[in-house]
Amino acid sequence: MTAILTILFMAAIALPQMWYYAALGKRMSEEEKKAGRDLTYELNPFTGGRDL
């Protein structure tokens, strides 16, 4: 019983984190397609600020 609760607790922690990073990656991909360039080294890719 304890093992099942531990697995459920770990899933409750891990699944939202995986969802967040997948959504962030999808958003960045869409922003890069819209901008037509790689936004890897941008300071804030959502506003277009450049890292000096």
PDB file of N, CA and C in Angstrom:
ATOM      1  N   MET A   1       0.816  -1.195   0.000  1.00  0.00           N
ATOM      2  CA  MET A   1       0.000   0.000   0.000  1.00  0.00           C
ATOM      3  C   MET A   1       0.862   1.262   0.000  1.00  0.00           C
ATOM      4  N   THR A   2       1.919   1.252   0.782  1.00  0.00           N
ATOM      5  CA  THR A   2       2.811   2.398   0.856  1.00  0.00           C
ATOM      6  C   THR A   2       3.505   2.640  -0.482  1.00  0.00           C
ATOM      7  N   ALA A   3       3.877   1.567  -1.172  1.00  0.00           N
ATOM      8  CA  ALA A   3       4.550   1.704  -2.466  1.00  0.00           C
ATOM      9  C   ALA A   3       3.618   2.357  -3.488  1.00  0.00           C
ATOM     10  N   ILE A   4       2.363   1.985  -3.458  1.00  0.00           N
ATOM     11  CA  ILE A   4       1.398   2.563  -4.399  1.00  0.00           C
ATOM     12  C   ILE A   4       1.216   4.052  -4.128  1.00  0.00           C
ATOM     13  N   LEU A   5       1.116   4.414  -2.860  1.00  0.00           N
ATOM     14  CA  LEU A   5       0.976   5.830  -2.505  1.00  0.00           C
ATOM     15  C   LEU A   5       2.217   6.627  -2.899  1.00  0.00           C
ATOM     16  N   THR A   6       3.384   6.020  -2.723  1.00  0.00           N
ATOM     17  CA  THR A   6       4.628   6.686  -3.105  1.00  0.00           C
ATOM     18  C   THR A   6       4.669   6.918  -4.607  1.00  0.00           C
ATOM     19  N   ILE A   7       4.288   5.921  -5.388  1.00  0.00           N
ATOM     20  CA  ILE A   7       4.274   6.058  -6.843  1.00  0.00           C
ATOM     21  C   ILE A   7       3.268   7.120  -7.273  1.00  0.00           C
ATOM     22  N   LEU A   8       2.096   7.130  -6.674  1.00  0.00           N
ATOM     23  CA  LEU A   8       1.097   8.142  -7.007  1.00  0.00           C
ATOM     24  C   LEU A   8       1.573   9.547  -6.640  1.00  0.00           C
ATOM     25  N   PHE A   9       2.235   9.672  -5.498  1.00  0.00           N
ATOM     26  CA  PHE A   9       2.769  10.969  -5.090  1.00  0.00           C
ATOM     27  C   PHE A   9       3.843  11.453  -6.063  1.00  0.00           C
ATOM     28  N   MET A  10       4.739  10.552  -6.449  1.00  0.00           N
ATOM     29  CA  MET A  10       5.800  10.918  -7.393  1.00  0.00           C
ATOM     30  C   MET A  10       5.215  11.305  -8.749  1.00  0.00           C
ATOM     31  N   ALA A  11       4.176  10.603  -9.184  1.00  0.00           N
ATOM     32  CA  ALA A  11       3.517  10.940 -10.447  1.00  0.00           C
ATOM     33  C   ALA A  11       2.841  12.304 -10.353  1.00  0.00           C
ATOM     34  N   ALA A  12       2.249  12.596  -9.203  1.00  0.00           N
ATOM     35  CA  ALA A  12       1.583  13.886  -9.013  1.00  0.00           C
ATOM     36  C   ALA A  12       2.578  15.039  -9.061  1.00  0.00           C
ATOM     37  N   ILE A  13       3.818  14.770  -8.729  1.00  0.00           N
ATOM     38  CA  ILE A  13       4.857  15.796  -8.788  1.00  0.00           C
ATOM     39  C   ILE A  13       5.463  15.870 -10.186  1.00  0.00           C
ATOM     40  N   ALA A  14       5.752  14.740 -10.802  1.00  0.00           N
ATOM     41  CA  ALA A  14       6.484  14.692 -12.067  1.00  0.00           C
ATOM     42  C   ALA A  14       5.627  15.066 -13.278  1.00  0.00           C
ATOM     43  N   LEU A  15       4.400  14.618 -13.330  1.00  0.00           N
ATOM     44  CA  LEU A  15       3.574  14.850 -14.518  1.00  0.00           C
ATOM     45  C   LEU A  15       3.327  16.335 -14.815  1.00  0.00           C
ATOM     46  N   PRO A  16       3.002  17.164 -13.846  1.00  0.00           N
ATOM     47  CA  PRO A  16       2.847  18.597 -14.163  1.00  0.00           C
ATOM     48  C   PRO A  16       4.146  19.245 -14.653  1.00  0.00           C
ATOM     49  N   GLN A  17       5.277  18.815 -14.125  1.00  0.00           N
ATOM     50  CA  GLN A  17       6.554  19.364 -14.586  1.00  0.00           C
ATOM     51  C   GLN A  17       6.814  18.985 -16.043  1.00  0.00           C
ATOM     52  N   MET A  18       6.554  17.738 -16.392  1.00  0.00           N
ATOM     53  CA  MET A  18       6.744  17.302 -17.777  1.00  0.00           C
ATOM     54  C   MET A  18       5.792  18.060 -18.701  1.00  0.00           C
ATOM     55  N   TRP A  19       4.561  18.260 -18.268  1.00  0.00           N
ATOM     56  CA  TRP A  19       3.574  18.998 -19.061  1.00  0.00           C
ATOM     57  C   TRP A  19       4.047  20.435 -19.281  1.00  0.00           C
ATOM     58  N   TYR A  20       4.586  21.063 -18.243  1.00  0.00           N
ATOM     59  CA  TYR A  20       5.070  22.439 -18.327  1.00  0.00           C
ATOM     60  C   TYR A  20       6.187  22.572 -19.349  1.00  0.00           C
ATOM     61  N   TYR A  21       7.192  21.701 -19.282  1.00  0.00           N
ATOM     62  CA  TYR A  21       8.323  21.793 -20.203  1.00  0.00           C
ATOM     63  C   TYR A  21       7.928  21.456 -21.630  1.00  0.00           C
ATOM     64  N   ALA A  22       6.981  20.544 -21.816  1.00  0.00           N
ATOM     65  CA  ALA A  22       6.490  20.238 -23.161  1.00  0.00           C
ATOM     66  C   ALA A  22       5.746  21.446 -23.734  1.00  0.00           C
ATOM     67  N   ALA A  23       4.926  22.093 -22.921  1.00  0.00           N
ATOM     68  CA  ALA A  23       4.189  23.273 -23.379  1.00  0.00           C
ATOM     69  C   ALA A  23       5.138  24.430 -23.681  1.00  0.00           C
ATOM     70  N   LEU A  24       6.171  24.592 -22.865  1.00  0.00           N
ATOM     71  CA  LEU A  24       7.151  25.645 -23.100  1.00  0.00           C
ATOM     72  C   LEU A  24       7.900  25.403 -24.397  1.00  0.00           C
ATOM     73  N   GLY A  25       8.290  24.162 -24.649  1.00  0.00           N
ATOM     74  CA  GLY A  25       8.980  23.828 -25.897  1.00  0.00           C
ATOM     75  C   GLY A  25       8.102  24.077 -27.105  1.00  0.00           C
ATOM     76  N   LYS A  26       6.833  23.739 -27.000  1.00  0.00           N
ATOM     77  CA  LYS A  26       5.897  23.981 -28.099  1.00  0.00           C
ATOM     78  C   LYS A  26       5.747  25.479 -28.347  1.00  0.00           C
ATOM     79  N   ARG A  27       5.646  26.246 -27.279  1.00  0.00           N
ATOM     80  CA  ARG A  27       5.509  27.700 -27.418  1.00  0.00           C
ATOM     81  C   ARG A  27       6.737  28.316 -28.064  1.00  0.00           C
ATOM     82  N   MET A  28       7.926  27.873 -27.642  1.00  0.00           N
ATOM     83  CA  MET A  28       9.165  28.412 -28.222  1.00  0.00           C
ATOM     84  C   MET A  28       9.262  28.052 -29.696  1.00  0.00           C
ATOM     85  N   SER A  29       8.879  26.834 -30.046  1.00  0.00           N
ATOM     86  CA  SER A  29       8.913  26.413 -31.441  1.00  0.00           C
ATOM     87  C   SER A  29       8.010  27.297 -32.299  1.00  0.00           C
ATOM     88  N   GLU A  30       6.814  27.580 -31.816  1.00  0.00           N
ATOM     89  CA  GLU A  30       5.893  28.451 -32.543  1.00  0.00           C
ATOM     90  C   GLU A  30       6.449  29.867 -32.666  1.00  0.00           C
ATOM     91  N   GLU A  31       7.054  30.381 -31.592  1.00  0.00           N
ATOM     92  CA  GLU A  31       7.625  31.730 -31.629  1.00  0.00           C
ATOM     93  C   GLU A  31       8.782  31.804 -32.619  1.00  0.00           C
ATOM     94  N   GLU A  32       9.625  30.765 -32.677  1.00  0.00           N
ATOM     95  CA  GLU A  32      10.741  30.758 -33.615  1.00  0.00           C
ATOM     96  C   GLU A  32      10.249  30.693 -35.055  1.00  0.00           C
ATOM     97  N   LYS A  33       9.209  29.922 -35.308  1.00  0.00           N
ATOM     98  CA  LYS A  33       8.648  29.866 -36.662  1.00  0.00           C
ATOM     99  C   LYS A  33       8.085  31.222 -37.061  1.00  0.00           C
ATOM    100  N   LYS A  34       7.400  31.880 -36.123  1.00  0.00           N
ATOM    101  CA  LYS A  34       6.816  33.183 -36.408  1.00  0.00           C
ATOM    102  C   LYS A  34       7.905  34.232 -36.653  1.00  0.00           C
ATOM    103  N   ALA A  35       8.983  34.178 -35.862  1.00  0.00           N
ATOM    104  CA  ALA A  35      10.074  35.144 -36.002  1.00  0.00           C
ATOM    105  C   ALA A  35      10.966  34.820 -37.198  1.00  0.00           C
ATOM    106  N   GLY A  36      10.981  33.561 -37.604  1.00  0.00           N
ATOM    107  CA  GLY A  36      11.822  33.165 -38.728  1.00  0.00           C
ATOM    108  C   GLY A  36      13.294  33.061 -38.387  1.00  0.00           C
ATOM    109  N   ARG A  37      13.613  32.897 -37.120  1.00  0.00           N
ATOM    110  CA  ARG A  37      15.013  32.787 -36.694  1.00  0.00           C
ATOM    111  C   ARG A  37      15.095  32.027 -35.378  1.00  0.00           C
ATOM    112  N   ASP A  38      16.306  31.657 -35.022  1.00  0.00           N
ATOM    113  CA  ASP A  38      16.552  30.938 -33.779  1.00  0.00           C
ATOM    114  C   ASP A  38      16.550  31.927 -32.617  1.00  0.00           C
ATOM    115  N   LEU A  39      15.772  31.661 -31.599  1.00  0.00           N
ATOM    116  CA  LEU A  39      15.658  32.566 -30.454  1.00  0.00           C
ATOM    117  C   LEU A  39      16.405  32.043 -29.228  1.00  0.00           C
ATOM    118  N   THR A  40      17.365  31.136 -29.443  1.00  0.00           N
ATOM    119  CA  THR A  40      18.062  30.497 -28.332  1.00  0.00           C
ATOM    120  C   THR A  40      18.772  31.498 -27.428  1.00  0.00           C
ATOM    121  N   TYR A  41      19.461  32.471 -27.999  1.00  0.00           N
ATOM    122  CA  TYR A  41      20.274  33.376 -27.195  1.00  0.00           C
ATOM    123  C   TYR A  41      19.603  34.721 -26.947  1.00  0.00           C
ATOM    124  N   GLU A  42      18.300  34.770 -27.093  1.00  0.00           N
ATOM    125  CA  GLU A  42      17.559  35.995 -26.791  1.00  0.00           C
ATOM    126  C   GLU A  42      17.406  36.130 -25.284  1.00  0.00           C
ATOM    127  N   LEU A  43      17.480  37.338 -24.785  1.00  0.00           N
ATOM    128  CA  LEU A  43      17.284  37.585 -23.361  1.00  0.00           C
ATOM    129  C   LEU A  43      15.842  37.269 -22.977  1.00  0.00           C
ATOM    130  N   ASN A  44      14.907  37.787 -23.751  1.00  0.00           N
ATOM    131  CA  ASN A  44      13.494  37.489 -23.539  1.00  0.00           C
ATOM    132  C   ASN A  44      12.876  37.253 -24.914  1.00  0.00           C
ATOM    133  N   PRO A  45      12.800  35.999 -25.353  1.00  0.00           N
ATOM    134  CA  PRO A  45      12.343  35.718 -26.711  1.00  0.00           C
ATOM    135  C   PRO A  45      10.901  36.134 -26.970  1.00  0.00           C
ATOM    136  N   PHE A  46      10.094  36.325 -25.940  1.00  0.00           N
ATOM    137  CA  PHE A  46       8.710  36.692 -26.149  1.00  0.00           C
ATOM    138  C   PHE A  46       8.530  38.182 -26.422  1.00  0.00           C
ATOM    139  N   THR A  47       9.538  38.990 -26.057  1.00  0.00           N
ATOM    140  CA  THR A  47       9.455  40.419 -26.341  1.00  0.00           C
ATOM    141  C   THR A  47      10.502  40.855 -27.362  1.00  0.00           C
ATOM    142  N   GLY A  48      11.424  39.971 -27.686  1.00  0.00           N
ATOM    143  CA  GLY A  48      12.430  40.292 -28.709  1.00  0.00           C
ATOM    144  C   GLY A  48      13.665  40.955 -28.157  1.00  0.00           C
ATOM    145  N   GLY A  49      13.825  41.041 -26.831  1.00  0.00           N
ATOM    146  CA  GLY A  49      15.016  41.656 -26.255  1.00  0.00           C
ATOM    147  C   GLY A  49      16.243  40.808 -26.509  1.00  0.00           C
ATOM    148  N   ARG A  50      17.362  41.429 -26.806  1.00  0.00           N
ATOM    149  CA  ARG A  50      18.586  40.695 -27.122  1.00  0.00           C
ATOM    150  C   ARG A  50      19.531  40.684 -25.922  1.00  0.00           C
ATOM    151  N   ASP A  51      20.246  39.569 -25.798  1.00  0.00           N
ATOM    152  CA  ASP A  51      21.263  39.432 -24.767  1.00  0.00           C
ATOM    153  C   ASP A  51      22.557  40.054 -25.300  1.00  0.00           C
ATOM    154  N   LEU A  52      23.101  41.015 -24.593  1.00  0.00           N
ATOM    155  CA  LEU A  52      24.314  41.685 -25.070  1.00  0.00           C
ATOM    156  C   LEU A  52      25.514  41.011 -24.581  1.00  0.00           C
TER     157      LEU A  52
END
